[in-house]
Amino acid sequence: MSDPVLQMENVSLNYGSEPVLTGINLAIQPGELTVIAGTSGCGKSTLLRGAIGLLRPSKGIIRLLGRDIANLDEEELAELRRRVGLLFQGGALINSMTIAENVALPVRQFSRLPDSVVDSLVRMKLAQVGLEDAMQKTPPELSGGMRKRAALARTLAMDPELLLCDEPSAGLDPVTAAALDRLLLDLRAAMNMTLVVVTHELGSIDAIADRVIMVAGGGLAFDGSLEQAHRTETQVVKDFFARKPAKAETRGRSILERLLKP
């Protein structure tokens, strides 16, 4: 078996002296599509912050793409993060820039590719998400689903080995959310990426998950396949899947996005 792309060993994550998650043990294997599920405020976004070193553990070891993040300085950690894509709930696109300029931004910032190559790369990434005809539009000119796809194209611009998605279908109607789920599956197959998707949307979980990790009570309440999640006798998991599918949420910045960009 290949080495995990993300591994946590007995990890505790705190905000100041306040513990949020304790005793976290998990290993995400290459090519998996793992859903991190749980109710609002349970610590899902805190887990993502820990995964990419934005929140250092008070205890335990976090290995990202084989590197122990505790042993990395800020420059080394920044370099490692360039191999990881992060899709924000709200997209975090820059409204004053065109979609093409948004997608090109990380490429121009972190590479020295000629403009002609960058332009070709941008067209390819937008074509992957079905937005090749919207290159010159700005984010306010797009629908909610199109903005999510544009943000996804920007996240994919650096060809990440690991893609972390924070509530990707939040705020979308069921049809658009289902289309985004299918796109994530298609991209995973085409690019051989590992995906970790934070969501509480039941429809999305059933559509995309290979594996479900449930966060509850300050730790991991469940870790297993989607089939096992539906069959488990663990009460918190049974209650979670017994909910009726929620209506589309009001669009807004996720907890993780607010923490990263106050």
Protein backbone atom coordinates (compact mmCIF):
# COMPACT_ATOMS: atom_id res chain seq x y z
CA MET A 1 0.00 0.00 0.00
CA SER A 2 1.20 3.53 -0.80
CA ASP A 3 2.04 5.98 1.95
CA PRO A 4 -0.92 8.12 3.08
CA VAL A 5 -1.16 11.61 1.57
CA LEU A 6 -2.49 12.85 4.91
CA GLN A 7 -1.92 11.19 8.26
CA MET A 8 -2.76 12.21 11.82
CA GLU A 9 -1.50 10.31 14.83
CA ASN A 10 -3.14 11.06 18.21
CA VAL A 11 -3.59 14.70 17.20
CA SER A 12 -5.14 17.37 19.40
CA LEU A 13 -6.08 20.77 17.96
CA ASN A 14 -6.78 23.76 20.19
CA TYR A 15 -7.70 27.42 19.86
CA GLY A 16 -5.61 28.94 22.61
CA SER A 17 -6.19 26.80 25.68
CA GLU A 18 -9.58 25.59 24.43
CA PRO A 19 -9.49 22.06 23.01
CA VAL A 20 -11.53 21.54 19.85
CA LEU A 21 -10.46 18.08 18.68
CA THR A 22 -8.55 15.44 20.61
CA GLY A 23 -7.19 11.98 19.90
CA ILE A 24 -7.50 12.23 16.10
CA ASN A 25 -6.13 9.25 14.18
CA LEU A 26 -6.64 9.00 10.44
CA ALA A 27 -4.82 8.13 7.24
CA ILE A 28 -6.01 9.28 3.81
CA GLN A 29 -4.76 7.02 1.04
CA PRO A 30 -3.88 8.20 -2.50
CA GLY A 31 -6.87 8.26 -4.85
CA GLU A 32 -9.50 8.11 -2.10
CA LEU A 33 -12.48 10.43 -1.98
CA THR A 34 -13.09 10.95 1.71
CA VAL A 35 -16.00 12.91 3.12
CA ILE A 36 -15.57 14.59 6.50
CA ALA A 37 -19.11 14.88 7.83
CA GLY A 38 -20.70 16.34 10.91
CA THR A 39 -23.01 19.03 12.15
CA SER A 40 -22.18 22.73 12.16
CA GLY A 41 -19.49 23.70 14.66
CA CYS A 42 -18.28 20.14 15.29
CA GLY A 43 -14.71 20.83 14.18
CA LYS A 44 -14.69 19.82 10.50
CA SER A 45 -13.00 23.03 9.35
CA THR A 46 -10.60 22.89 12.30
CA LEU A 47 -9.52 19.49 11.02
CA LEU A 48 -8.77 21.01 7.60
CA ARG A 49 -6.78 23.86 9.14
CA GLY A 50 -4.69 21.32 11.01
CA ALA A 51 -4.19 19.25 7.88
CA ILE A 52 -2.44 22.07 6.03
CA GLY A 53 -0.54 23.49 8.98
CA LEU A 54 -2.60 26.62 9.56
CA LEU A 55 -3.31 25.31 13.06
CA ARG A 56 -0.42 23.51 14.70
CA PRO A 57 -1.35 20.52 16.87
CA SER A 58 -0.91 20.82 20.63
CA LYS A 59 -0.26 17.08 20.64
CA GLY A 60 0.45 14.37 18.09
CA ILE A 61 1.90 14.24 14.57
CA ILE A 62 0.45 15.47 11.27
CA ARG A 63 2.09 14.27 8.06
CA LEU A 64 1.07 15.99 4.84
CA LEU A 65 2.30 14.39 1.62
CA GLY A 66 4.81 12.45 3.70
CA ARG A 67 6.23 15.47 5.56
CA ASP A 68 5.88 16.02 9.30
CA ILE A 69 4.61 19.59 9.32
CA ALA A 70 6.00 20.23 12.81
CA ASN A 71 9.52 19.94 11.34
CA LEU A 72 8.95 22.49 8.57
CA ASP A 73 9.67 26.19 8.71
CA GLU A 74 7.20 28.65 7.16
CA GLU A 75 8.95 28.68 3.79
CA GLU A 76 9.02 24.87 3.60
CA LEU A 77 5.40 24.64 4.67
CA ALA A 78 4.35 27.21 2.06
CA GLU A 79 6.14 25.17 -0.60
CA LEU A 80 4.36 22.01 0.56
CA ARG A 81 0.96 23.75 0.46
CA ARG A 82 1.46 24.50 -3.23
CA ARG A 83 0.95 20.78 -3.82
CA VAL A 84 -2.44 20.98 -2.09
CA GLY A 85 -5.58 22.60 -3.50
CA LEU A 86 -8.13 24.24 -1.21
CA LEU A 87 -11.62 25.04 -2.48
CA PHE A 88 -13.35 27.56 -0.23
CA GLN A 89 -17.07 27.42 0.41
CA GLY A 90 -17.61 30.92 -0.97
CA GLY A 91 -15.12 30.49 -3.81
CA ALA A 92 -12.94 33.46 -2.72
CA LEU A 93 -12.74 34.76 -6.30
CA ILE A 94 -11.62 38.35 -6.90
CA ASN A 95 -14.63 40.20 -8.32
CA SER A 96 -12.59 42.86 -10.11
CA MET A 97 -10.73 40.26 -12.18
CA THR A 98 -12.01 38.13 -15.04
CA ILE A 99 -12.42 34.40 -14.54
CA ALA A 100 -9.34 33.81 -16.70
CA GLU A 101 -7.31 36.24 -14.57
CA ASN A 102 -8.51 34.55 -11.38
CA VAL A 103 -7.42 31.13 -12.63
CA ALA A 104 -4.08 32.49 -13.83
CA LEU A 105 -3.31 34.17 -10.51
CA PRO A 106 -1.64 31.25 -8.65
CA VAL A 107 0.22 30.17 -11.80
CA ARG A 108 1.71 33.63 -12.29
CA GLN A 109 2.50 33.90 -8.58
CA PHE A 110 4.23 30.54 -8.15
CA SER A 111 5.78 29.84 -11.55
CA ARG A 112 7.81 31.55 -14.25
CA LEU A 113 5.90 30.17 -17.20
CA PRO A 114 5.64 32.37 -20.30
CA ASP A 115 2.36 34.20 -20.82
CA SER A 116 1.45 32.02 -23.78
CA VAL A 117 1.79 28.86 -21.69
CA VAL A 118 -0.19 30.38 -18.81
CA ASP A 119 -2.98 31.36 -21.21
CA SER A 120 -3.12 27.82 -22.62
CA LEU A 121 -3.17 26.36 -19.12
CA VAL A 122 -6.01 28.66 -18.07
CA ARG A 123 -8.08 27.68 -21.11
CA MET A 124 -7.48 24.01 -20.36
CA LYS A 125 -8.50 24.31 -16.71
CA LEU A 126 -11.64 26.27 -17.55
CA ALA A 127 -12.51 23.70 -20.22
CA GLN A 128 -12.20 20.96 -17.58
CA VAL A 129 -14.98 22.60 -15.57
CA GLY A 130 -17.08 23.63 -18.60
CA LEU A 131 -16.37 27.35 -18.45
CA GLU A 132 -14.26 27.92 -21.56
CA ASP A 133 -16.92 30.34 -22.88
CA ALA A 134 -16.89 32.44 -19.69
CA MET A 135 -13.20 33.35 -19.58
CA GLN A 136 -13.69 37.10 -19.91
CA LYS A 137 -16.61 37.37 -17.50
CA THR A 138 -16.18 38.52 -13.92
CA PRO A 139 -17.51 36.56 -10.91
CA PRO A 140 -20.58 38.81 -10.38
CA GLU A 141 -21.67 37.97 -13.94
CA LEU A 142 -21.81 34.24 -13.18
CA SER A 143 -24.38 32.07 -11.42
CA GLY A 144 -23.56 30.47 -8.08
CA GLY A 145 -22.75 27.14 -9.68
CA MET A 146 -20.52 28.76 -12.29
CA ARG A 147 -18.61 30.65 -9.59
CA LYS A 148 -17.99 27.37 -7.77
CA ARG A 149 -16.67 25.81 -10.97
CA ALA A 150 -14.47 28.83 -11.64
CA ALA A 151 -13.05 28.61 -8.12
CA LEU A 152 -12.46 24.91 -8.70
CA ALA A 153 -10.57 25.68 -11.92
CA ARG A 154 -8.32 28.10 -10.04
CA THR A 155 -7.73 25.48 -7.33
CA LEU A 156 -6.71 22.97 -10.02
CA ALA A 157 -4.37 25.39 -11.81
CA MET A 158 -1.28 24.08 -10.00
CA ASP A 159 -2.28 20.40 -10.49
CA PRO A 160 -2.58 19.57 -6.77
CA GLU A 161 -1.92 16.07 -5.53
CA LEU A 162 -4.51 16.54 -2.78
CA LEU A 163 -7.70 18.60 -3.10
CA LEU A 164 -9.50 19.80 0.03
CA CYS A 165 -13.04 21.10 -0.47
CA ASP A 166 -14.84 23.02 2.28
CA GLU A 167 -18.63 22.62 1.85
CA PRO A 168 -18.48 22.80 -1.98
CA SER A 169 -22.23 22.43 -2.56
CA ALA A 170 -23.35 24.87 0.15
CA GLY A 171 -25.72 27.49 -1.20
CA LEU A 172 -26.42 25.63 -4.44
CA ASP A 173 -29.78 24.28 -5.58
CA PRO A 174 -30.03 20.46 -5.69
CA VAL A 175 -29.57 20.20 -9.47
CA THR A 176 -26.48 22.42 -9.50
CA ALA A 177 -25.08 20.67 -6.42
CA ALA A 178 -25.50 17.28 -8.10
CA ALA A 179 -23.70 18.56 -11.20
CA LEU A 180 -20.80 19.77 -9.03
CA ASP A 181 -20.64 16.35 -7.35
CA ARG A 182 -20.37 14.67 -10.76
CA LEU A 183 -17.65 17.14 -11.76
CA LEU A 184 -15.59 16.29 -8.67
CA LEU A 185 -15.88 12.59 -9.48
CA ASP A 186 -14.90 13.17 -13.12
CA LEU A 187 -11.89 15.28 -12.14
CA ARG A 188 -10.75 12.71 -9.59
CA ALA A 189 -10.85 10.03 -12.30
CA ALA A 190 -9.17 12.20 -14.94
CA MET A 191 -6.42 13.66 -12.76
CA ASN A 192 -5.89 10.77 -10.31
CA MET A 193 -6.26 13.14 -7.37
CA THR A 194 -7.01 12.47 -3.74
CA LEU A 195 -10.03 14.42 -2.50
CA VAL A 196 -11.16 15.32 1.00
CA VAL A 197 -14.59 16.96 1.02
CA VAL A 198 -16.08 18.60 4.10
CA THR A 199 -19.87 18.54 3.88
CA HIS A 200 -23.05 17.84 5.79
CA GLU A 201 -25.17 17.50 2.62
CA LEU A 202 -26.62 13.98 2.57
CA GLY A 203 -27.12 13.92 -1.20
CA SER A 204 -23.49 14.81 -1.84
CA ILE A 205 -22.19 12.26 0.66
CA ASP A 206 -24.17 9.45 -0.96
CA ALA A 207 -23.08 10.56 -4.45
CA ILE A 208 -19.34 10.92 -3.97
CA ALA A 209 -18.00 9.26 -0.82
CA ASP A 210 -15.70 6.27 -0.86
CA ARG A 211 -15.17 6.78 2.84
CA VAL A 212 -16.92 8.75 5.57
CA ILE A 213 -15.24 10.27 8.62
CA MET A 214 -17.72 11.63 11.16
CA VAL A 215 -16.60 14.40 13.52
CA ALA A 216 -18.59 14.66 16.75
CA GLY A 217 -18.01 15.23 20.44
CA GLY A 218 -14.53 16.66 19.98
CA GLY A 219 -13.17 13.66 18.10
CA LEU A 220 -13.84 11.12 15.37
CA ALA A 221 -17.07 9.22 15.99
CA PHE A 222 -16.82 7.06 12.87
CA ASP A 223 -14.38 6.16 10.11
CA GLY A 224 -15.42 3.69 7.44
CA SER A 225 -16.91 3.13 4.01
CA LEU A 226 -20.15 4.77 2.91
CA GLU A 227 -21.89 1.40 3.14
CA GLN A 228 -20.60 0.90 6.67
CA ALA A 229 -21.77 4.40 7.61
CA HIS A 230 -25.31 3.55 6.54
CA ARG A 231 -25.25 0.25 8.45
CA THR A 232 -23.51 1.32 11.65
CA GLU A 233 -25.20 1.23 15.04
CA THR A 234 -23.23 4.27 16.21
CA GLN A 235 -26.03 6.58 17.29
CA VAL A 236 -24.53 9.90 16.19
CA VAL A 237 -24.01 8.51 12.68
CA LYS A 238 -27.51 7.02 12.55
CA ASP A 239 -29.00 10.36 13.63
CA PHE A 240 -26.94 12.22 11.04
CA PHE A 241 -28.09 10.05 8.13
CA ALA A 242 -31.68 9.98 9.39
CA ARG A 243 -32.04 13.72 8.72
CA LYS A 244 -34.14 14.96 5.86
CA PRO A 245 -32.03 16.59 3.13
CA ALA A 246 -31.66 20.26 4.03
CA LYS A 247 -32.68 23.13 1.81
CA ALA A 248 -29.89 24.98 0.06
CA GLU A 249 -28.02 27.19 2.50
CA THR A 250 -27.66 30.93 2.23
CA ARG A 251 -24.36 31.68 0.58
CA GLY A 252 -21.66 32.91 2.90
CA ARG A 253 -18.06 32.42 3.86
CA SER A 254 -17.33 29.17 5.64
CA ILE A 255 -15.67 28.96 9.03
CA LEU A 256 -12.40 27.97 7.39
CA GLU A 257 -12.54 30.85 4.93
CA ARG A 258 -13.27 33.36 7.70
CA LEU A 259 -10.32 32.04 9.69
CA LEU A 260 -7.96 32.26 6.72
CA LYS A 261 -9.20 35.62 5.47
CA PRO A 262 -10.67 37.64 8.38
